[in-house]
Protein backbone atom coordinates (compact mmCIF):
# COMPACT_ATOMS: atom_id res chain seq x y z
CA MET A 1 -6.44 -7.65 3.14
CA VAL A 2 -7.42 -5.36 0.29
CA LEU A 3 -3.79 -4.91 -0.72
CA ARG A 4 -3.24 -8.68 -0.62
CA ASP A 5 -6.27 -9.22 -2.87
CA TYR A 6 -5.02 -6.52 -5.24
CA ILE A 7 -1.57 -8.13 -5.43
CA ASN A 8 -3.15 -11.53 -6.15
CA ALA A 9 -5.31 -10.04 -8.90
CA THR A 10 -2.51 -8.09 -10.60
CA THR A 11 1.21 -8.59 -10.11
CA GLY A 12 1.13 -11.71 -7.94
CA PHE A 13 3.34 -12.63 -5.01
CA GLU A 14 5.81 -14.58 -7.14
CA GLU A 15 6.62 -11.42 -9.13
CA LEU A 16 6.96 -9.34 -5.95
CA SER A 17 9.21 -12.02 -4.51
CA ARG A 18 11.60 -11.61 -7.44
CA VAL A 19 11.48 -7.81 -7.34
CA PHE A 20 12.08 -7.48 -3.58
CA ASP A 21 14.23 -10.59 -3.05
CA LYS A 22 11.88 -11.92 -0.37
CA SER A 23 10.05 -15.22 -0.33
CA SER A 24 6.50 -15.14 -1.65
CA LYS A 25 5.30 -16.79 1.58
CA SER A 26 6.91 -14.03 3.64
CA LEU A 27 5.20 -11.40 1.50
CA MET A 28 1.84 -13.20 1.80
CA ARG A 29 2.18 -13.26 5.60
CA MET A 30 3.21 -9.59 5.59
CA PHE A 31 0.00 -8.60 3.79
CA GLY A 32 -2.23 -11.19 5.45
CA PRO A 33 -4.86 -10.63 8.15
CA LYS A 34 -2.30 -10.74 10.98
CA GLY A 35 0.50 -9.12 8.98
CA ASN A 36 2.33 -6.09 10.27
CA PRO A 37 4.67 -4.87 7.52
CA GLN A 38 7.35 -2.32 8.26
CA ALA A 39 6.55 1.04 6.73
CA SER A 40 9.56 0.76 4.41
CA ASN A 41 8.30 -2.57 3.01
CA LEU A 42 4.72 -1.35 2.71
CA PHE A 43 5.65 1.84 0.87
CA ALA A 44 8.15 0.05 -1.38
CA VAL A 45 5.45 -2.41 -2.49
CA ILE A 46 2.88 0.36 -2.98
CA HIS A 47 5.41 2.36 -5.02
CA TYR A 48 6.15 -0.67 -7.22
CA LEU A 49 2.44 -1.38 -7.76
CA GLN A 50 1.83 2.27 -8.65
CA GLU A 51 4.58 2.17 -11.26
CA GLN A 52 3.15 -1.02 -12.76
CA GLU A 53 -0.34 0.48 -12.98
CA GLY A 54 0.75 3.97 -14.03
CA ILE A 55 -0.91 5.71 -11.08
CA HIS A 56 0.26 8.28 -8.57
CA ARG A 57 -0.91 8.34 -4.94
CA GLU A 58 -1.22 11.61 -3.06
CA VAL A 59 -1.95 11.84 0.65
CA THR A 60 -2.84 15.10 2.36
CA ALA A 61 -3.55 15.74 6.04
CA ARG A 62 -5.93 18.33 7.43
CA GLN A 63 -7.24 19.28 10.85
CA VAL A 64 -10.95 18.81 11.44
CA ALA A 65 -12.87 20.01 14.46
CA SER A 66 -14.38 17.54 16.88
CA GLY A 67 -15.99 17.80 20.31
CA GLY A 68 -12.75 17.02 22.14
CA GLY A 69 -10.34 19.05 20.01
CA GLY A 70 -8.73 18.80 16.62
CA VAL A 71 -8.43 15.52 14.78
CA THR A 72 -6.19 14.84 11.82
CA ALA A 73 -7.95 13.44 8.76
CA PHE A 74 -6.13 11.98 5.79
CA ASN A 75 -7.33 12.24 2.20
CA TRP A 76 -6.07 9.62 -0.24
CA GLN A 77 -6.26 10.39 -3.93
CA PHE A 78 -5.07 8.32 -6.85
CA PHE A 79 -4.27 9.81 -10.24
CA ARG A 80 -3.68 7.97 -13.49
CA ALA A 81 -0.36 9.02 -15.03
CA PHE A 82 -0.64 9.74 -18.74
């Protein structure tokens, strides 16, 4: 839901609908509470939003110890492109 709110507050679903040649209602469902976007659609939209905002997303994975063995943790960082 956070991504849907962000889209509403910035680009808007009508703009995304033109960019990705998908209906705005389909995109709203995709990013709604019961939405389940394909990874390719999700990453394409995130990439577009990053370009519009001038930011770069970096994700790194690392192993952390836990009682039952190793667990993978992901760190998300956003950088403003200058």
